[in-house]
Amino acid sequence: MPARPAVREARPQREPGPAKRRRVIALAAAGAAAVVGIGSAALALNGGDDDGRRRNETGASAQASPEASAGASSGADGHKDPADEPEAKQGKGKPSSSPSRKASPRPGDASSGERGGKGPASLGQAPGDDLGAPIAVRTRPYVYESPCSQRFLVNRKPHQVPQPPAVEQDAPGWAADLGAVSAGEQLIEVTVQGLSKDTVVLQGMNVRVQSTSSPLAWNDFQMGVGCGGRVSTKSFAVDLDDGAPRLTPKAGQRDFPYKVSEDDPEVFYVKADVEAHDVRWYLELEWSSGKRHNVLRIDDQGKPFRTSGNEGRPTFGWPLGGSKWEAPLGS
């Protein structure tokens, strides 16, 4: 008989042992953990979870504290992450991160305001900057060139006007109370002093007219009667009737420029004359110091100076030893 081919008996597949099953499960778990980790990292970077949005909106640190990390790793035990609970429910626990502190600007930074910086407080600002001028200016709007030189127009009758001020220092208050206006002429004293040892160059002083109208039809009151001669004062003269008034050096006063500092001030006298107009005006002082330069307005405490012609107006004087206003002799 022919020989039968040998048939191999199929053996049943043997199940893996417990040790091998544990290795397979461990590998599968590791792979799942890796996928979850990658997804969590992507969500953390994109801020996709609600917790990430809350942390970003409240300015919390991107790094969790050790306590928060421990709470997150114990999520499988059913415990919540403390960061997910409202702050009121967290008791006296420490915050996950300390509040951020704003760093102090370093000298020279644009926001530091130091002189060496490039910010708005640097010395290289263009004209019109918000820096204060490096000079101080003091103005006396009513200087008596002689005891009788100053006259005022007042819109009142003589018996309604009080006695004239005994000294020129009281003249501003007297004039303000009555609404008085300098009549015919006005002598102004301007003192300019530097605020430091640095030299400030005064390039020029210009007259600016704010308004011009007809002379005031008020009574003219002279501050003294029977006075002596005038004292010569170095000054700049300005004719306010001129269409373009400008300062002209008088009585030995030299023209600009001048230099001032903290130890070297300058005093200027500006004498304004007017006959045919009522003029509101002020001065502009051009100054420069290093790379800085600007224009400083000079006026009567925020208001323009005001000088009006008094041609043909009734004139009154207060005689020495008198008790009321009277019409001066020869008027």
Protein backbone atom coordinates (compact mmCIF):
# COMPACT_ATOMS: atom_id res chain seq x y z
CA MET A 1 0.00 0.00 0.00
CA PRO A 2 1.26 3.38 -0.77
CA ALA A 3 2.52 5.30 2.24
CA ARG A 4 0.21 8.05 3.57
CA PRO A 5 1.64 11.45 3.73
CA ALA A 6 2.50 12.51 7.20
CA VAL A 7 -0.04 14.91 8.62
CA ARG A 8 1.12 17.17 11.34
CA GLU A 9 -1.32 17.48 14.13
CA ALA A 10 -2.38 21.06 14.71
CA ARG A 11 -1.62 22.19 18.17
CA PRO A 12 -3.91 24.61 19.94
CA GLN A 13 -2.59 28.21 20.37
CA ARG A 14 -1.33 28.70 23.88
CA GLU A 15 -2.54 31.72 25.79
CA PRO A 16 0.13 34.07 27.03
CA GLY A 17 1.08 33.74 30.60
CA PRO A 18 0.23 36.22 33.33
CA ALA A 19 3.62 37.92 33.09
CA LYS A 20 3.27 38.48 29.34
CA ARG A 21 -0.29 39.81 29.78
CA ARG A 22 0.97 42.31 32.31
CA ARG A 23 3.64 43.55 29.90
CA VAL A 24 1.08 43.99 27.08
CA ILE A 25 -1.30 45.89 29.39
CA ALA A 26 1.54 48.08 30.63
CA LEU A 27 2.59 48.94 27.07
CA ALA A 28 -0.99 49.78 26.11
CA ALA A 29 -1.41 51.95 29.16
CA ALA A 30 1.84 53.75 28.44
CA GLY A 31 0.73 54.46 24.89
CA ALA A 32 -2.61 55.84 26.08
CA ALA A 33 -0.87 58.01 28.67
CA ALA A 34 1.42 59.40 25.99
CA VAL A 35 -1.57 60.33 23.80
CA VAL A 36 -3.35 61.96 26.72
CA GLY A 37 -0.18 63.82 27.68
CA ILE A 38 0.27 65.19 24.16
CA GLY A 39 -3.37 66.28 24.05
CA SER A 40 -3.08 67.95 27.47
CA ALA A 41 0.05 69.79 26.43
CA ALA A 42 -1.66 71.06 23.29
CA LEU A 43 -4.64 72.25 25.30
CA ALA A 44 -2.35 73.96 27.81
CA LEU A 45 -0.48 75.75 25.06
CA ASN A 46 -3.66 76.87 23.29
CA GLY A 47 -5.55 77.67 26.48
CA GLY A 48 -8.36 75.40 25.33
CA ASP A 49 -9.60 74.20 28.72
CA ASP A 50 -11.80 76.24 31.01
CA ASP A 51 -9.20 76.19 33.76
CA GLY A 52 -6.58 77.62 31.41
CA ARG A 53 -8.91 80.43 30.40
CA ARG A 54 -9.65 81.29 34.01
CA ARG A 55 -5.96 81.36 34.86
CA ASN A 56 -5.12 83.57 31.89
CA GLU A 57 -7.96 85.98 32.65
CA THR A 58 -6.98 86.40 36.28
CA GLY A 59 -3.30 86.83 35.55
CA ALA A 60 -2.24 83.63 37.38
CA SER A 61 1.21 82.18 36.79
CA ALA A 62 1.58 79.58 34.05
CA GLN A 63 3.39 77.31 36.52
CA ALA A 64 1.29 75.53 39.10
CA SER A 65 2.41 75.24 42.69
CA PRO A 66 3.50 71.88 44.13
CA GLU A 67 0.16 71.62 45.96
CA ALA A 68 -1.81 72.12 42.73
CA SER A 69 0.37 69.58 40.89
CA ALA A 70 -0.19 67.05 43.62
CA GLY A 71 -3.93 67.65 43.48
CA ALA A 72 -3.99 67.17 39.71
CA SER A 73 -2.13 63.88 39.92
CA SER A 74 -4.61 62.60 42.48
CA GLY A 75 -7.59 63.25 40.22
CA ALA A 76 -8.12 59.54 39.79
CA ASP A 77 -8.99 59.34 43.48
CA GLY A 78 -11.98 61.67 43.00
CA HIS A 79 -10.38 64.81 44.56
CA LYS A 80 -10.81 68.15 42.79
CA ASP A 81 -7.98 70.42 41.84
CA PRO A 82 -8.02 73.32 44.38
CA ALA A 83 -7.54 75.77 41.49
CA ASP A 84 -10.99 74.79 40.16
CA GLU A 85 -12.73 75.85 43.38
CA PRO A 86 -13.80 79.47 44.04
CA GLU A 87 -11.33 81.50 46.07
CA ALA A 88 -13.85 81.85 48.88
CA LYS A 89 -13.93 78.07 49.34
CA GLN A 90 -10.19 77.60 49.43
CA GLY A 91 -9.93 78.88 52.99
CA LYS A 92 -6.57 80.21 54.07
CA GLY A 93 -4.55 78.18 51.61
CA LYS A 94 -1.56 79.85 49.98
CA PRO A 95 -2.02 81.08 46.39
CA SER A 96 -0.42 79.03 43.68
CA SER A 97 1.80 81.90 42.66
CA SER A 98 2.86 85.25 44.11
CA PRO A 99 1.51 88.44 42.45
CA SER A 100 3.75 89.95 39.85
CA ARG A 101 5.58 93.16 40.72
CA LYS A 102 6.19 95.96 38.28
CA ALA A 103 9.88 96.46 37.75
CA SER A 104 11.21 99.91 38.57
CA PRO A 105 12.45 101.81 35.49
CA ARG A 106 16.17 102.09 35.18
CA PRO A 107 17.86 105.47 34.74
CA GLY A 108 18.00 106.31 31.07
CA ASP A 109 14.87 104.34 30.10
CA ALA A 110 12.31 106.18 28.00
CA SER A 111 9.70 105.88 30.74
CA SER A 112 11.96 106.79 33.64
CA GLY A 113 11.76 110.57 33.21
CA GLU A 114 15.50 110.86 33.83
CA ARG A 115 17.37 113.60 32.08
CA GLY A 116 19.59 111.12 30.32
CA GLY A 117 16.68 109.16 28.82
CA LYS A 118 14.86 109.54 25.55
CA GLY A 119 11.44 110.06 27.12
CA PRO A 120 9.42 113.27 27.30
CA ALA A 121 11.63 114.62 30.10
CA SER A 122 14.89 114.51 28.16
CA LEU A 123 16.80 117.68 27.40
CA GLY A 124 16.46 117.19 23.68
CA GLN A 125 12.76 118.01 23.50
CA ALA A 126 11.54 120.14 20.64
CA PRO A 127 9.97 123.57 21.22
CA GLY A 128 6.57 123.31 22.82
CA ASP A 129 7.56 120.47 25.14
CA ASP A 130 5.87 120.04 28.52
CA LEU A 131 9.02 120.71 30.48
CA GLY A 132 8.97 123.73 32.75
CA ALA A 133 11.12 126.63 31.65
CA PRO A 134 14.52 126.74 33.39
CA ILE A 135 13.83 130.32 34.46
CA ALA A 136 11.58 132.04 36.97
CA VAL A 137 9.89 135.34 36.05
CA ARG A 138 8.46 137.86 38.49
CA THR A 139 6.34 140.74 37.20
CA ARG A 140 5.31 144.01 38.82
CA PRO A 141 2.63 145.56 36.59
CA TYR A 142 2.53 149.04 38.18
CA VAL A 143 5.94 150.56 38.83
CA TYR A 144 6.03 154.22 39.75
CA GLU A 145 8.74 155.93 37.73
CA SER A 146 7.99 158.90 39.96
CA PRO A 147 5.41 159.28 42.76
CA CYS A 148 3.06 161.07 40.38
CA SER A 149 3.71 159.17 37.18
CA GLN A 150 1.09 156.47 37.58
CA ARG A 151 -2.48 157.28 36.56
CA PHE A 152 -5.54 155.08 36.36
CA LEU A 153 -8.84 155.25 34.49
CA VAL A 154 -11.72 154.23 36.76
CA ASN A 155 -15.37 153.90 35.77
CA ARG A 156 -16.58 155.67 38.93
CA LYS A 157 -17.23 159.18 40.20
CA PRO A 158 -14.54 160.78 42.40
CA HIS A 159 -16.47 160.32 45.67
CA GLN A 160 -16.76 156.59 44.91
CA VAL A 161 -12.99 156.10 44.59
CA PRO A 162 -10.94 155.50 47.75
CA GLN A 163 -7.69 157.26 48.59
CA PRO A 164 -4.79 156.27 46.30
CA PRO A 165 -2.32 153.70 47.63
CA ALA A 166 0.52 155.20 49.63
CA VAL A 167 3.14 152.91 48.03
CA GLU A 168 3.30 151.25 44.66
CA GLN A 169 3.28 147.75 46.22
CA ASP A 170 -0.38 148.37 47.11
CA ALA A 171 -1.31 149.54 43.63
CA PRO A 172 -2.20 146.09 42.19
CA GLY A 173 -4.79 145.44 44.89
CA TRP A 174 -6.21 148.96 44.65
CA ALA A 175 -6.56 148.70 40.87
CA ALA A 176 -8.05 145.19 41.01
CA ASP A 177 -10.75 146.24 43.50
CA LEU A 178 -11.82 149.13 41.27
CA GLY A 179 -11.31 147.50 37.88
CA ALA A 180 -8.88 150.35 37.14
CA VAL A 181 -6.82 150.49 33.94
CA SER A 182 -3.44 152.16 33.48
CA ALA A 183 -3.95 155.53 31.81
CA GLY A 184 -1.66 156.95 29.14
CA GLU A 185 1.39 154.92 30.14
CA GLN A 186 2.38 151.89 32.16
CA LEU A 187 5.79 150.90 33.51
CA ILE A 188 6.26 147.16 34.09
CA GLU A 189 9.15 145.50 35.90
CA VAL A 190 10.18 142.01 34.75
CA THR A 191 12.77 140.07 36.78
CA VAL A 192 14.21 136.93 35.15
CA GLN A 193 16.34 134.45 37.09
CA GLY A 194 17.71 131.01 36.24
CA LEU A 195 16.67 127.99 38.32
CA SER A 196 20.11 126.36 38.32
CA LYS A 197 23.77 127.04 37.67
CA ASP A 198 23.18 126.38 33.97
CA THR A 199 23.23 129.45 31.75
CA VAL A 200 19.98 130.39 30.03
CA VAL A 201 20.16 132.71 27.05
CA LEU A 202 17.33 135.21 26.66
CA GLN A 203 17.11 135.63 22.92
CA GLY A 204 14.50 138.36 22.80
CA MET A 205 11.30 139.85 24.19
CA ASN A 206 8.37 140.59 21.91
CA VAL A 207 5.08 142.46 22.31
CA ARG A 208 1.86 140.61 21.49
CA VAL A 209 -1.43 142.55 21.21
CA GLN A 210 -4.52 140.60 22.22
CA SER A 211 -7.09 143.27 21.42
CA THR A 212 -7.38 146.94 20.49
CA SER A 213 -10.39 149.22 20.89
CA SER A 214 -11.28 152.88 21.44
CA PRO A 215 -9.95 154.57 24.60
CA LEU A 216 -12.01 154.16 27.73
CA ALA A 217 -14.39 157.08 28.46
CA TRP A 218 -13.69 156.95 32.21
CA ASN A 219 -12.39 159.41 34.76
CA ASP A 220 -8.63 159.79 35.10
CA PHE A 221 -7.13 159.57 38.61
CA GLN A 222 -3.57 160.69 39.24
CA MET A 223 -1.75 158.96 42.09
CA GLY A 224 -0.02 162.10 43.38
CA VAL A 225 -0.03 165.90 43.15
CA GLY A 226 2.91 168.27 43.56
CA CYS A 227 5.55 165.57 43.06
CA GLY A 228 9.18 166.04 42.21
CA GLY A 229 11.01 165.16 39.03
CA ARG A 230 11.24 161.72 37.51
CA VAL A 231 14.01 159.25 38.20
CA SER A 232 15.70 157.98 35.04
CA THR A 233 15.23 154.22 34.69
CA LYS A 234 16.85 151.96 32.11
CA SER A 235 13.97 150.52 30.14
CA PHE A 236 12.49 149.34 26.87
CA ALA A 237 9.81 151.56 25.37
CA VAL A 238 6.81 150.33 23.39
CA ASP A 239 4.27 152.44 21.51
CA LEU A 240 0.97 150.59 21.73
CA ASP A 241 -0.60 152.87 19.11
CA ASP A 242 1.76 151.35 16.55
CA GLY A 243 0.24 148.74 14.27
CA ALA A 244 3.16 146.38 15.07
CA PRO A 245 4.47 147.45 18.47
CA ARG A 246 7.96 146.36 19.46
CA LEU A 247 10.41 147.01 22.26
CA THR A 248 13.02 149.73 21.76
CA PRO A 249 15.96 150.13 24.20
CA LYS A 250 15.93 153.45 26.07
CA ALA A 251 18.12 155.33 28.59
CA GLY A 252 21.22 153.17 28.20
CA GLN A 253 19.49 149.80 28.12
CA ARG A 254 21.22 147.52 25.62
CA ASP A 255 19.23 145.22 23.37
CA PHE A 256 18.92 141.43 23.60
CA PRO A 257 20.34 138.78 23.98
CA TYR A 258 21.01 138.47 27.70
CA LYS A 259 22.23 135.61 29.87
CA VAL A 260 20.84 134.60 33.26
CA SER A 261 21.45 131.88 35.83
CA GLU A 262 20.58 131.19 39.45
CA ASP A 263 23.28 133.61 40.63
CA ASP A 264 22.93 136.17 37.86
CA PRO A 265 19.36 137.50 37.35
CA GLU A 266 18.30 140.36 35.07
CA VAL A 267 15.73 143.10 35.63
CA PHE A 268 13.94 144.66 32.66
CA TYR A 269 11.64 147.67 32.62
CA VAL A 270 9.07 147.94 29.86
CA LYS A 271 7.36 151.30 29.47
CA ALA A 272 4.21 151.27 27.35
CA ASP A 273 2.68 154.48 25.98
CA VAL A 274 -0.74 154.84 24.33
CA GLU A 275 -3.03 157.73 23.39
CA ALA A 276 -5.61 156.62 20.85
CA HIS A 277 -6.48 153.07 21.92
CA ASP A 278 -7.44 150.74 24.74
CA VAL A 279 -4.98 147.87 24.35
CA ARG A 280 -4.77 144.42 25.96
CA TRP A 281 -1.29 143.04 25.48
CA TYR A 282 1.40 140.73 26.86
CA LEU A 283 5.07 139.87 26.33
CA GLU A 284 6.77 136.76 25.00
CA LEU A 285 10.28 135.93 26.18
CA GLU A 286 12.37 133.68 23.94
CA TRP A 287 14.89 131.53 25.85
CA SER A 288 17.34 128.72 25.12
CA SER A 289 19.42 126.40 27.28
CA GLY A 290 21.51 123.71 25.63
CA LYS A 291 19.28 121.90 23.15
CA ARG A 292 16.12 123.28 24.70
CA HIS A 293 14.42 126.45 23.56
CA ASN A 294 10.93 127.85 23.92
CA VAL A 295 8.84 130.98 24.41
CA LEU A 296 7.52 132.06 27.81
CA ARG A 297 4.48 134.30 28.11
CA ILE A 298 4.73 137.22 30.54
CA ASP A 299 1.50 138.86 31.72
CA ASP A 300 -0.38 140.07 34.79
CA GLN A 301 -1.00 136.81 36.69
CA GLY A 302 -2.60 135.04 33.75
CA LYS A 303 -4.34 138.14 32.37
CA PRO A 304 -3.02 140.48 29.69
CA PHE A 305 -1.72 143.90 30.63
CA ARG A 306 -4.20 146.66 29.81
CA THR A 307 -3.32 150.25 28.99
CA SER A 308 -5.71 152.88 27.63
CA GLY A 309 -5.31 156.38 26.28
CA ASN A 310 -6.67 159.14 28.52
CA GLU A 311 -6.70 162.08 26.13
CA GLY A 312 -9.40 164.60 27.12
CA ARG A 313 -10.65 162.63 30.12
CA PRO A 314 -11.56 164.49 33.36
CA THR A 315 -8.53 164.28 35.65
CA PHE A 316 -8.55 164.19 39.44
CA GLY A 317 -5.79 164.23 42.05
CA TRP A 318 -5.50 163.70 45.79
CA PRO A 319 -3.56 166.71 47.21
CA LEU A 320 -0.94 166.15 49.88
CA GLY A 321 -2.71 166.40 53.22
CA GLY A 322 -6.10 166.36 51.46
CA SER A 323 -9.14 164.24 52.21
CA LYS A 324 -10.79 163.79 48.84
CA TRP A 325 -10.23 163.75 45.10
CA GLU A 326 -10.01 167.19 43.50
CA ALA A 327 -9.45 168.53 40.03
CA PRO A 328 -5.70 169.34 39.78
CA LEU A 329 -4.63 172.91 39.03
CA GLY A 330 -4.36 173.61 35.35
CA SER A 331 -6.74 170.84 34.32
